[in-house]
PDB file of all heavy atoms in Angstrom:
ATOM      1  N   GLY A   1       1.444   0.280 -19.563  1.00  0.00           N
ATOM      2  CA  GLY A   1       0.188   0.621 -20.209  1.00  0.00           C
ATOM      3  C   GLY A   1      -1.026  -0.018 -19.559  1.00  0.00           C
ATOM      4  O   GLY A   1      -2.097  -0.096 -20.174  1.00  0.00           O
ATOM      5  N   LEU A   2      -0.910  -0.477 -18.323  1.00  0.00           N
ATOM      6  CA  LEU A   2      -2.032  -1.115 -17.640  1.00  0.00           C
ATOM      7  C   LEU A   2      -3.086  -0.069 -17.291  1.00  0.00           C
ATOM      8  O   LEU A   2      -2.764   1.020 -16.813  1.00  0.00           O
ATOM      9  CB  LEU A   2      -1.544  -1.826 -16.379  1.00  0.00           C
ATOM     10  CG  LEU A   2      -0.539  -2.967 -16.607  1.00  0.00           C
ATOM     11  CD1 LEU A   2      -0.064  -3.536 -15.289  1.00  0.00           C
ATOM     12  CD2 LEU A   2      -1.153  -4.057 -17.468  1.00  0.00           C
ATOM     13  N   THR A   3      -4.340  -0.413 -17.490  1.00  0.00           N
ATOM     14  CA  THR A   3      -5.428   0.542 -17.272  1.00  0.00           C
ATOM     15  C   THR A   3      -6.399   0.033 -16.220  1.00  0.00           C
ATOM     16  O   THR A   3      -6.440  -1.156 -15.898  1.00  0.00           O
ATOM     17  CB  THR A   3      -6.205   0.786 -18.582  1.00  0.00           C
ATOM     18  OG1 THR A   3      -6.769  -0.461 -19.023  1.00  0.00           O
ATOM     19  CG2 THR A   3      -5.288   1.334 -19.658  1.00  0.00           C
ATOM     20  N   ASN A   4      -7.201   0.947 -15.697  1.00  0.00           N
ATOM     21  CA  ASN A   4      -8.274   0.571 -14.771  1.00  0.00           C
ATOM     22  C   ASN A   4      -9.539   0.292 -15.597  1.00  0.00           C
ATOM     23  O   ASN A   4      -9.541   0.420 -16.824  1.00  0.00           O
ATOM     24  CB  ASN A   4      -8.498   1.678 -13.734  1.00  0.00           C
ATOM     25  CG  ASN A   4      -8.924   3.001 -14.360  1.00  0.00           C
ATOM     26  OD1 ASN A   4      -9.400   3.040 -15.490  1.00  0.00           O
ATOM     27  ND2 ASN A   4      -8.767   4.087 -13.619  1.00  0.00           N
ATOM     28  N   PRO A   5     -10.643  -0.111 -14.931  1.00  0.00           N
ATOM     29  CA  PRO A   5     -11.869  -0.426 -15.693  1.00  0.00           C
ATOM     30  C   PRO A   5     -12.384   0.708 -16.562  1.00  0.00           C
ATOM     31  O   PRO A   5     -13.119   0.471 -17.527  1.00  0.00           O
ATOM     32  CB  PRO A   5     -12.866  -0.791 -14.584  1.00  0.00           C
ATOM     33  CG  PRO A   5     -12.013  -1.315 -13.477  1.00  0.00           C
ATOM     34  CD  PRO A   5     -10.776  -0.468 -13.504  1.00  0.00           C
ATOM     35  N   LYS A   6     -12.014   1.947 -16.246  1.00  0.00           N
ATOM     36  CA  LYS A   6     -12.458   3.089 -17.046  1.00  0.00           C
ATOM     37  C   LYS A   6     -11.528   3.371 -18.217  1.00  0.00           C
ATOM     38  O   LYS A   6     -11.721   4.344 -18.951  1.00  0.00           O
ATOM     39  CB  LYS A   6     -12.556   4.328 -16.158  1.00  0.00           C
ATOM     40  CG  LYS A   6     -13.614   4.233 -15.068  1.00  0.00           C
ATOM     41  CD  LYS A   6     -13.675   5.509 -14.245  1.00  0.00           C
ATOM     42  CE  LYS A   6     -14.747   5.428 -13.161  1.00  0.00           C
ATOM     43  NZ  LYS A   6     -14.803   6.670 -12.337  1.00  0.00           N
ATOM     44  N   GLY A   7     -10.497   2.524 -18.384  1.00  0.00           N
ATOM     45  CA  GLY A   7      -9.571   2.711 -19.491  1.00  0.00           C
ATOM     46  C   GLY A   7      -8.479   3.722 -19.210  1.00  0.00           C
ATOM     47  O   GLY A   7      -7.727   4.088 -20.111  1.00  0.00           O
ATOM     48  N   GLN A   8      -8.373   4.183 -17.966  1.00  0.00           N
ATOM     49  CA  GLN A   8      -7.344   5.150 -17.601  1.00  0.00           C
ATOM     50  C   GLN A   8      -6.057   4.419 -17.217  1.00  0.00           C
ATOM     51  O   GLN A   8      -6.095   3.362 -16.582  1.00  0.00           O
ATOM     52  CB  GLN A   8      -7.821   6.009 -16.425  1.00  0.00           C
ATOM     53  CG  GLN A   8      -9.086   6.806 -16.717  1.00  0.00           C
ATOM     54  CD  GLN A   8      -9.699   7.365 -15.451  1.00  0.00           C
ATOM     55  OE1 GLN A   8      -9.732   6.712 -14.406  1.00  0.00           O
ATOM     56  NE2 GLN A   8     -10.203   8.588 -15.530  1.00  0.00           N
ATOM     57  N   ILE A   9      -4.914   4.985 -17.603  1.00  0.00           N
ATOM     58  CA  ILE A   9      -3.623   4.395 -17.229  1.00  0.00           C
ATOM     59  C   ILE A   9      -3.494   4.417 -15.706  1.00  0.00           C
ATOM     60  O   ILE A   9      -3.676   5.459 -15.071  1.00  0.00           O
ATOM     61  CB  ILE A   9      -2.453   5.170 -17.859  1.00  0.00           C
ATOM     62  CG1 ILE A   9      -2.516   5.065 -19.391  1.00  0.00           C
ATOM     63  CG2 ILE A   9      -1.129   4.650 -17.339  1.00  0.00           C
ATOM     64  CD1 ILE A   9      -2.194   3.696 -19.927  1.00  0.00           C
ATOM     65  N   ARG A  10      -3.207   3.280 -15.126  1.00  0.00           N
ATOM     66  CA  ARG A  10      -3.081   3.205 -13.670  1.00  0.00           C
ATOM     67  C   ARG A  10      -1.727   3.745 -13.227  1.00  0.00           C
ATOM     68  O   ARG A  10      -0.688   3.368 -13.783  1.00  0.00           O
ATOM     69  CB  ARG A  10      -3.216   1.756 -13.190  1.00  0.00           C
ATOM     70  CG  ARG A  10      -4.557   1.120 -13.496  1.00  0.00           C
ATOM     71  CD  ARG A  10      -4.622  -0.279 -12.907  1.00  0.00           C
ATOM     72  NE  ARG A  10      -4.703  -0.241 -11.457  1.00  0.00           N
ATOM     73  CZ  ARG A  10      -4.483  -1.297 -10.673  1.00  0.00           C
ATOM     74  NH1 ARG A  10      -4.140  -2.454 -11.219  1.00  0.00           N
ATOM     75  NH2 ARG A  10      -4.595  -1.202  -9.368  1.00  0.00           N
ATOM     76  N   PRO A  11      -1.695   4.622 -12.239  1.00  0.00           N
ATOM     77  CA  PRO A  11      -0.409   5.112 -11.739  1.00  0.00           C
ATOM     78  C   PRO A  11       0.346   4.008 -11.014  1.00  0.00           C
ATOM     79  O   PRO A  11      -0.241   3.014 -10.577  1.00  0.00           O
ATOM     80  CB  PRO A  11      -0.815   6.237 -10.784  1.00  0.00           C
ATOM     81  CG  PRO A  11      -2.188   5.865 -10.333  1.00  0.00           C
ATOM     82  CD  PRO A  11      -2.834   5.198 -11.509  1.00  0.00           C
ATOM     83  N   MET A  12       1.650   4.188 -10.881  1.00  0.00           N
ATOM     84  CA  MET A  12       2.466   3.177 -10.222  1.00  0.00           C
ATOM     85  C   MET A  12       2.019   2.945  -8.783  1.00  0.00           C
ATOM     86  O   MET A  12       2.086   1.816  -8.276  1.00  0.00           O
ATOM     87  CB  MET A  12       3.939   3.596 -10.256  1.00  0.00           C
ATOM     88  CG  MET A  12       4.891   2.549  -9.680  1.00  0.00           C
ATOM     89  SD  MET A  12       4.756   0.912 -10.442  1.00  0.00           S
ATOM     90  CE  MET A  12       5.294   1.278 -12.100  1.00  0.00           C
ATOM     91  N   SER A  13       1.539   3.987  -8.103  1.00  0.00           N
ATOM     92  CA  SER A  13       1.080   3.828  -6.718  1.00  0.00           C
ATOM     93  C   SER A  13      -0.039   2.797  -6.627  1.00  0.00           C
ATOM     94  O   SER A  13      -0.071   1.984  -5.684  1.00  0.00           O
ATOM     95  CB  SER A  13       0.604   5.167  -6.152  1.00  0.00           C
ATOM     96  OG  SER A  13      -0.435   5.712  -6.950  1.00  0.00           O
ATOM     97  N   ALA A  14      -0.951   2.792  -7.597  1.00  0.00           N
ATOM     98  CA  ALA A  14      -2.052   1.835  -7.577  1.00  0.00           C
ATOM     99  C   ALA A  14      -1.540   0.412  -7.798  1.00  0.00           C
ATOM    100  O   ALA A  14      -2.009  -0.537  -7.163  1.00  0.00           O
ATOM    101  CB  ALA A  14      -3.082   2.189  -8.652  1.00  0.00           C
ATOM    102  N   LEU A  15      -0.548   0.254  -8.689  1.00  0.00           N
ATOM    103  CA  LEU A  15       0.026  -1.069  -8.912  1.00  0.00           C
ATOM    104  C   LEU A  15       0.737  -1.578  -7.667  1.00  0.00           C
ATOM    105  O   LEU A  15       0.642  -2.755  -7.314  1.00  0.00           O
ATOM    106  CB  LEU A  15       1.010  -1.028 -10.089  1.00  0.00           C
ATOM    107  CG  LEU A  15       0.446  -0.784 -11.485  1.00  0.00           C
ATOM    108  CD1 LEU A  15       1.563  -0.903 -12.523  1.00  0.00           C
ATOM    109  CD2 LEU A  15      -0.678  -1.757 -11.804  1.00  0.00           C
ATOM    110  N   LEU A  16       1.457  -0.686  -6.993  1.00  0.00           N
ATOM    111  CA  LEU A  16       2.180  -1.089  -5.787  1.00  0.00           C
ATOM    112  C   LEU A  16       1.219  -1.427  -4.654  1.00  0.00           C
ATOM    113  O   LEU A  16       1.409  -2.417  -3.932  1.00  0.00           O
ATOM    114  CB  LEU A  16       3.149   0.010  -5.363  1.00  0.00           C
ATOM    115  CG  LEU A  16       4.358   0.215  -6.285  1.00  0.00           C
ATOM    116  CD1 LEU A  16       5.093   1.492  -5.928  1.00  0.00           C
ATOM    117  CD2 LEU A  16       5.315  -0.977  -6.221  1.00  0.00           C
ATOM    118  N   ASP A  17       0.182  -0.607  -4.482  1.00  0.00           N
ATOM    119  CA  ASP A  17      -0.818  -0.905  -3.446  1.00  0.00           C
ATOM    120  C   ASP A  17      -1.427  -2.289  -3.661  1.00  0.00           C
ATOM    121  O   ASP A  17      -1.549  -3.085  -2.719  1.00  0.00           O
ATOM    122  CB  ASP A  17      -1.935   0.147  -3.461  1.00  0.00           C
ATOM    123  CG  ASP A  17      -1.583   1.412  -2.689  1.00  0.00           C
ATOM    124  OD1 ASP A  17      -0.737   1.347  -1.779  1.00  0.00           O
ATOM    125  OD2 ASP A  17      -2.172   2.471  -2.999  1.00  0.00           O
ATOM    126  N   SER A  18      -1.806  -2.578  -4.905  1.00  0.00           N
ATOM    127  CA  SER A  18      -2.457  -3.858  -5.178  1.00  0.00           C
ATOM    128  C   SER A  18      -1.463  -5.015  -5.130  1.00  0.00           C
ATOM    129  O   SER A  18      -1.852  -6.164  -4.908  1.00  0.00           O
ATOM    130  CB  SER A  18      -3.173  -3.820  -6.524  1.00  0.00           C
ATOM    131  OG  SER A  18      -2.263  -3.606  -7.581  1.00  0.00           O
ATOM    132  N   ALA A  19      -0.179  -4.726  -5.324  1.00  0.00           N
ATOM    133  CA  ALA A  19       0.831  -5.781  -5.222  1.00  0.00           C
ATOM    134  C   ALA A  19       1.071  -6.172  -3.764  1.00  0.00           C
ATOM    135  O   ALA A  19       1.429  -7.317  -3.474  1.00  0.00           O
ATOM    136  CB  ALA A  19       2.135  -5.335  -5.864  1.00  0.00           C
ATOM    137  N   VAL A  20       0.858  -5.213  -2.841  1.00  0.00           N
ATOM    138  CA  VAL A  20       0.955  -5.544  -1.417  1.00  0.00           C
ATOM    139  C   VAL A  20      -0.277  -6.354  -1.018  1.00  0.00           C
ATOM    140  O   VAL A  20      -0.173  -7.484  -0.517  1.00  0.00           O
ATOM    141  CB  VAL A  20       1.077  -4.265  -0.562  1.00  0.00           C
ATOM    142  CG1 VAL A  20       1.045  -4.616   0.933  1.00  0.00           C
ATOM    143  CG2 VAL A  20       2.368  -3.514  -0.885  1.00  0.00           C
ATOM    144  N   PHE A  21      -1.461  -5.775  -1.218  1.00  0.00           N
ATOM    145  CA  PHE A  21      -2.722  -6.494  -0.998  1.00  0.00           C
ATOM    146  C   PHE A  21      -3.627  -6.252  -2.196  1.00  0.00           C
ATOM    147  O   PHE A  21      -3.836  -5.110  -2.579  1.00  0.00           O
ATOM    148  CB  PHE A  21      -3.439  -6.012   0.269  1.00  0.00           C
ATOM    149  CG  PHE A  21      -4.820  -6.602   0.396  1.00  0.00           C
ATOM    150  CD1 PHE A  21      -4.987  -7.887   0.891  1.00  0.00           C
ATOM    151  CD2 PHE A  21      -5.942  -5.897  -0.036  1.00  0.00           C
ATOM    152  CE1 PHE A  21      -6.257  -8.447   0.961  1.00  0.00           C
ATOM    153  CE2 PHE A  21      -7.212  -6.452   0.041  1.00  0.00           C
ATOM    154  CZ  PHE A  21      -7.367  -7.735   0.536  1.00  0.00           C
ATOM    155  N   PRO A  22      -4.091  -7.303  -2.825  1.00  0.00           N
ATOM    156  CA  PRO A  22      -4.030  -8.717  -2.432  1.00  0.00           C
ATOM    157  C   PRO A  22      -2.867  -9.496  -3.022  1.00  0.00           C
ATOM    158  O   PRO A  22      -2.821 -10.720  -2.896  1.00  0.00           O
ATOM    159  CB  PRO A  22      -5.347  -9.249  -2.982  1.00  0.00           C
ATOM    160  CG  PRO A  22      -5.538  -8.469  -4.250  1.00  0.00           C
ATOM    161  CD  PRO A  22      -5.015  -7.084  -3.961  1.00  0.00           C
ATOM    162  N   GLY A  23      -1.892  -8.794  -3.631  1.00  0.00           N
ATOM    163  CA  GLY A  23      -0.864  -9.479  -4.394  1.00  0.00           C
ATOM    164  C   GLY A  23       0.049 -10.394  -3.611  1.00  0.00           C
ATOM    165  O   GLY A  23       0.340 -11.507  -4.052  1.00  0.00           O
ATOM    166  N   THR A  24       0.525  -9.934  -2.452  1.00  0.00           N
ATOM    167  CA  THR A  24       1.531 -10.727  -1.736  1.00  0.00           C
ATOM    168  C   THR A  24       1.180 -11.029  -0.289  1.00  0.00           C
ATOM    169  O   THR A  24       1.850 -11.844   0.345  1.00  0.00           O
ATOM    170  CB  THR A  24       2.903 -10.018  -1.749  1.00  0.00           C
ATOM    171  OG1 THR A  24       2.751  -8.688  -1.239  1.00  0.00           O
ATOM    172  CG2 THR A  24       3.482  -9.955  -3.150  1.00  0.00           C
ATOM    173  N   GLN A  25       0.189 -10.345   0.284  1.00  0.00           N
ATOM    174  CA  GLN A  25      -0.171 -10.615   1.671  1.00  0.00           C
ATOM    175  C   GLN A  25      -1.630 -10.254   1.925  1.00  0.00           C
ATOM    176  O   GLN A  25      -2.247  -9.554   1.125  1.00  0.00           O
ATOM    177  CB  GLN A  25       0.761  -9.863   2.635  1.00  0.00           C
ATOM    178  CG  GLN A  25       0.730  -8.356   2.518  1.00  0.00           C
ATOM    179  CD  GLN A  25       1.812  -7.675   3.365  1.00  0.00           C
ATOM    180  OE1 GLN A  25       2.970  -8.040   3.352  1.00  0.00           O
ATOM    181  NE2 GLN A  25       1.407  -6.661   4.118  1.00  0.00           N
ATOM    182  N   GLY A  26      -2.139 -10.750   3.057  1.00  0.00           N
ATOM    183  CA  GLY A  26      -3.530 -10.491   3.411  1.00  0.00           C
ATOM    184  C   GLY A  26      -3.664  -9.322   4.354  1.00  0.00           C
ATOM    185  O   GLY A  26      -3.180  -8.222   4.071  1.00  0.00           O
ATOM    186  N   GLY A  27      -4.305  -9.546   5.486  1.00  0.00           N
ATOM    187  CA  GLY A  27      -4.569  -8.460   6.418  1.00  0.00           C
ATOM    188  C   GLY A  27      -3.306  -7.837   6.975  1.00  0.00           C
ATOM    189  O   GLY A  27      -2.380  -8.544   7.381  1.00  0.00           O
ATOM    190  N   PRO A  28      -3.237  -6.513   7.010  1.00  0.00           N
ATOM    191  CA  PRO A  28      -2.063  -5.845   7.574  1.00  0.00           C
ATOM    192  C   PRO A  28      -2.010  -6.013   9.089  1.00  0.00           C
ATOM    193  O   PRO A  28      -3.032  -6.227   9.745  1.00  0.00           O
ATOM    194  CB  PRO A  28      -2.274  -4.374   7.191  1.00  0.00           C
ATOM    195  CG  PRO A  28      -3.755  -4.229   7.045  1.00  0.00           C
ATOM    196  CD  PRO A  28      -4.239  -5.549   6.523  1.00  0.00           C
ATOM    197  N   LEU A  29      -0.815  -5.938   9.629  1.00  0.00           N
ATOM    198  CA  LEU A  29      -0.604  -6.056  11.076  1.00  0.00           C
ATOM    199  C   LEU A  29      -0.771  -4.667  11.692  1.00  0.00           C
ATOM    200  O   LEU A  29       0.175  -3.892  11.789  1.00  0.00           O
ATOM    201  CB  LEU A  29       0.792  -6.611  11.354  1.00  0.00           C
ATOM    202  CG  LEU A  29       1.135  -7.919  10.616  1.00  0.00           C
ATOM    203  CD1 LEU A  29       2.574  -8.333  10.907  1.00  0.00           C
ATOM    204  CD2 LEU A  29       0.164  -9.022  10.992  1.00  0.00           C
ATOM    205  N   GLU A  30      -2.008  -4.349  12.081  1.00  0.00           N
ATOM    206  CA  GLU A  30      -2.301  -2.973  12.496  1.00  0.00           C
ATOM    207  C   GLU A  30      -1.618  -2.589  13.804  1.00  0.00           C
ATOM    208  O   GLU A  30      -1.356  -1.409  14.050  1.00  0.00           O
ATOM    209  CB  GLU A  30      -3.806  -2.758  12.587  1.00  0.00           C
ATOM    210  CG  GLU A  30      -4.515  -2.766  11.230  1.00  0.00           C
ATOM    211  CD  GLU A  30      -4.112  -1.614  10.321  1.00  0.00           C
ATOM    212  OE1 GLU A  30      -3.558  -0.623  10.819  1.00  0.00           O
ATOM    213  OE2 GLU A  30      -4.341  -1.709   9.095  1.00  0.00           O
ATOM    214  N   HIS A  31      -1.295  -3.568  14.656  1.00  0.00           N
ATOM    215  CA  HIS A  31      -0.536  -3.243  15.870  1.00  0.00           C
ATOM    216  C   HIS A  31       0.894  -2.847  15.507  1.00  0.00           C
ATOM    217  O   HIS A  31       1.470  -1.936  16.120  1.00  0.00           O
ATOM    218  CB  HIS A  31      -0.537  -4.409  16.854  1.00  0.00           C
ATOM    219  CG  HIS A  31       0.008  -5.679  16.310  1.00  0.00           C
ATOM    220  ND1 HIS A  31      -0.489  -6.289  15.172  1.00  0.00           N
ATOM    221  CD2 HIS A  31       1.022  -6.472  16.735  1.00  0.00           C
ATOM    222  CE1 HIS A  31       0.198  -7.391  14.933  1.00  0.00           C
ATOM    223  NE2 HIS A  31       1.121  -7.523  15.869  1.00  0.00           N
ATOM    224  N   VAL A  32       1.460  -3.495  14.482  1.00  0.00           N
ATOM    225  CA  VAL A  32       2.800  -3.127  14.030  1.00  0.00           C
ATOM    226  C   VAL A  32       2.763  -1.779  13.320  1.00  0.00           C
ATOM    227  O   VAL A  32       3.672  -0.949  13.475  1.00  0.00           O
ATOM    228  CB  VAL A  32       3.374  -4.221  13.108  1.00  0.00           C
ATOM    229  CG1 VAL A  32       4.757  -3.815  12.591  1.00  0.00           C
ATOM    230  CG2 VAL A  32       3.456  -5.553  13.836  1.00  0.00           C
ATOM    231  N   ILE A  33       1.706  -1.525  12.546  1.00  0.00           N
ATOM    232  CA  ILE A  33       1.577  -0.229  11.872  1.00  0.00           C
ATOM    233  C   ILE A  33       1.448   0.896  12.895  1.00  0.00           C
ATOM    234  O   ILE A  33       2.014   1.986  12.718  1.00  0.00           O
ATOM    235  CB  ILE A  33       0.394  -0.256  10.889  1.00  0.00           C
ATOM    236  CG1 ILE A  33       0.733  -1.163   9.695  1.00  0.00           C
ATOM    237  CG2 ILE A  33       0.037   1.152  10.402  1.00  0.00           C
ATOM    238  CD1 ILE A  33      -0.408  -1.403   8.739  1.00  0.00           C
ATOM    239  N   ALA A  34       0.730   0.656  13.985  1.00  0.00           N
ATOM    240  CA  ALA A  34       0.653   1.654  15.057  1.00  0.00           C
ATOM    241  C   ALA A  34       2.043   1.918  15.631  1.00  0.00           C
ATOM    242  O   ALA A  34       2.414   3.073  15.899  1.00  0.00           O
ATOM    243  CB  ALA A  34      -0.300   1.175  16.147  1.00  0.00           C
ATOM    244  N   ALA A  35       2.820   0.839  15.818  1.00  0.00           N
ATOM    245  CA  ALA A  35       4.181   1.003  16.330  1.00  0.00           C
ATOM    246  C   ALA A  35       5.075   1.715  15.313  1.00  0.00           C
ATOM    247  O   ALA A  35       5.955   2.498  15.681  1.00  0.00           O
ATOM    248  CB  ALA A  35       4.764  -0.361  16.689  1.00  0.00           C
ATOM    249  N   LYS A  36       4.855   1.455  14.019  1.00  0.00           N
ATOM    250  CA  LYS A  36       5.580   2.196  12.979  1.00  0.00           C
ATOM    251  C   LYS A  36       5.278   3.694  13.082  1.00  0.00           C
ATOM    252  O   LYS A  36       6.187   4.531  12.978  1.00  0.00           O
ATOM    253  CB  LYS A  36       5.200   1.688  11.586  1.00  0.00           C
ATOM    254  CG  LYS A  36       5.712   0.303  11.234  1.00  0.00           C
ATOM    255  CD  LYS A  36       5.190  -0.137   9.856  1.00  0.00           C
ATOM    256  CE  LYS A  36       5.622  -1.544   9.509  1.00  0.00           C
ATOM    257  NZ  LYS A  36       5.102  -2.013   8.197  1.00  0.00           N
ATOM    258  N   ALA A  37       4.006   4.029  13.282  1.00  0.00           N
ATOM    259  CA  ALA A  37       3.628   5.439  13.404  1.00  0.00           C
ATOM    260  C   ALA A  37       4.372   6.097  14.560  1.00  0.00           C
ATOM    261  O   ALA A  37       4.858   7.232  14.446  1.00  0.00           O
ATOM    262  CB  ALA A  37       2.118   5.569  13.589  1.00  0.00           C
ATOM    263  N   VAL A  38       4.470   5.385  15.681  1.00  0.00           N
ATOM    264  CA  VAL A  38       5.210   5.906  16.839  1.00  0.00           C
ATOM    265  C   VAL A  38       6.675   6.121  16.481  1.00  0.00           C
ATOM    266  O   VAL A  38       7.262   7.174  16.757  1.00  0.00           O
ATOM    267  CB  VAL A  38       5.081   4.953  18.044  1.00  0.00           C
ATOM    268  CG1 VAL A  38       5.982   5.420  19.188  1.00  0.00           C
ATOM    269  CG2 VAL A  38       3.637   4.870  18.523  1.00  0.00           C
ATOM    270  N   ALA A  39       7.281   5.114  15.857  1.00  0.00           N
ATOM    271  CA  ALA A  39       8.701   5.204  15.512  1.00  0.00           C
ATOM    272  C   ALA A  39       8.973   6.327  14.517  1.00  0.00           C
ATOM    273  O   ALA A  39       9.972   7.050  14.638  1.00  0.00           O
ATOM    274  CB  ALA A  39       9.183   3.872  14.942  1.00  0.00           C
ATOM    275  N   PHE A  40       8.088   6.501  13.533  1.00  0.00           N
ATOM    276  CA  PHE A  40       8.279   7.591  12.571  1.00  0.00           C
ATOM    277  C   PHE A  40       8.173   8.946  13.279  1.00  0.00           C
ATOM    278  O   PHE A  40       8.900   9.883  12.947  1.00  0.00           O
ATOM    279  CB  PHE A  40       7.250   7.509  11.445  1.00  0.00           C
ATOM    280  CG  PHE A  40       7.280   6.215  10.661  1.00  0.00           C
ATOM    281  CD1 PHE A  40       6.141   5.767  10.000  1.00  0.00           C
ATOM    282  CD2 PHE A  40       8.433   5.449  10.580  1.00  0.00           C
ATOM    283  CE1 PHE A  40       6.150   4.583   9.273  1.00  0.00           C
ATOM    284  CE2 PHE A  40       8.461   4.257   9.859  1.00  0.00           C
ATOM    285  CZ  PHE A  40       7.308   3.830   9.213  1.00  0.00           C
ATOM    286  N   GLY A  41       7.263   9.030  14.237  1.00  0.00           N
ATOM    287  CA  GLY A  41       7.151  10.261  15.021  1.00  0.00           C
ATOM    288  C   GLY A  41       8.422  10.536  15.808  1.00  0.00           C
ATOM    289  O   GLY A  41       8.877  11.687  15.894  1.00  0.00           O
ATOM    290  N   GLU A  42       9.008   9.485  16.375  1.00  0.00           N
ATOM    291  CA  GLU A  42      10.272   9.655  17.102  1.00  0.00           C
ATOM    292  C   GLU A  42      11.384  10.100  16.162  1.00  0.00           C
ATOM    293  O   GLU A  42      12.212  10.958  16.503  1.00  0.00           O
ATOM    294  CB  GLU A  42      10.660   8.334  17.768  1.00  0.00           C
ATOM    295  CG  GLU A  42       9.748   7.925  18.916  1.00  0.00           C
ATOM    296  CD  GLU A  42      10.088   6.574  19.513  1.00  0.00           C
ATOM    297  OE1 GLU A  42      10.873   5.812  18.889  1.00  0.00           O
ATOM    298  OE2 GLU A  42       9.573   6.259  20.601  1.00  0.00           O
ATOM    299  N   ALA A  43      11.415   9.518  14.951  1.00  0.00           N
ATOM    300  CA  ALA A  43      12.476   9.834  14.003  1.00  0.00           C
ATOM    301  C   ALA A  43      12.379  11.255  13.455  1.00  0.00           C
ATOM    302  O   ALA A  43      13.354  11.775  12.907  1.00  0.00           O
ATOM    303  CB  ALA A  43      12.462   8.833  12.848  1.00  0.00           C
ATOM    304  N   LEU A  44      11.216  11.875  13.599  1.00  0.00           N
ATOM    305  CA  LEU A  44      11.044  13.265  13.163  1.00  0.00           C
ATOM    306  C   LEU A  44      11.581  14.266  14.180  1.00  0.00           C
ATOM    307  O   LEU A  44      11.655  15.463  13.887  1.00  0.00           O
ATOM    308  CB  LEU A  44       9.558  13.551  12.896  1.00  0.00           C
ATOM    309  CG  LEU A  44       8.998  12.978  11.586  1.00  0.00           C
ATOM    310  CD1 LEU A  44       7.465  12.987  11.604  1.00  0.00           C
ATOM    311  CD2 LEU A  44       9.530  13.749  10.379  1.00  0.00           C
TER     312      LEU A  44
END
């Protein structure tokens, strides 16, 4: 039943996004994310 400032029920995606940042880590490793994008492309 968690809501946003407008009183709307927050979807699970919003809770998960905020649990990654700022919940458990800071700046993402964008060089690793670029490499993830390459690997996902290969896996397709």
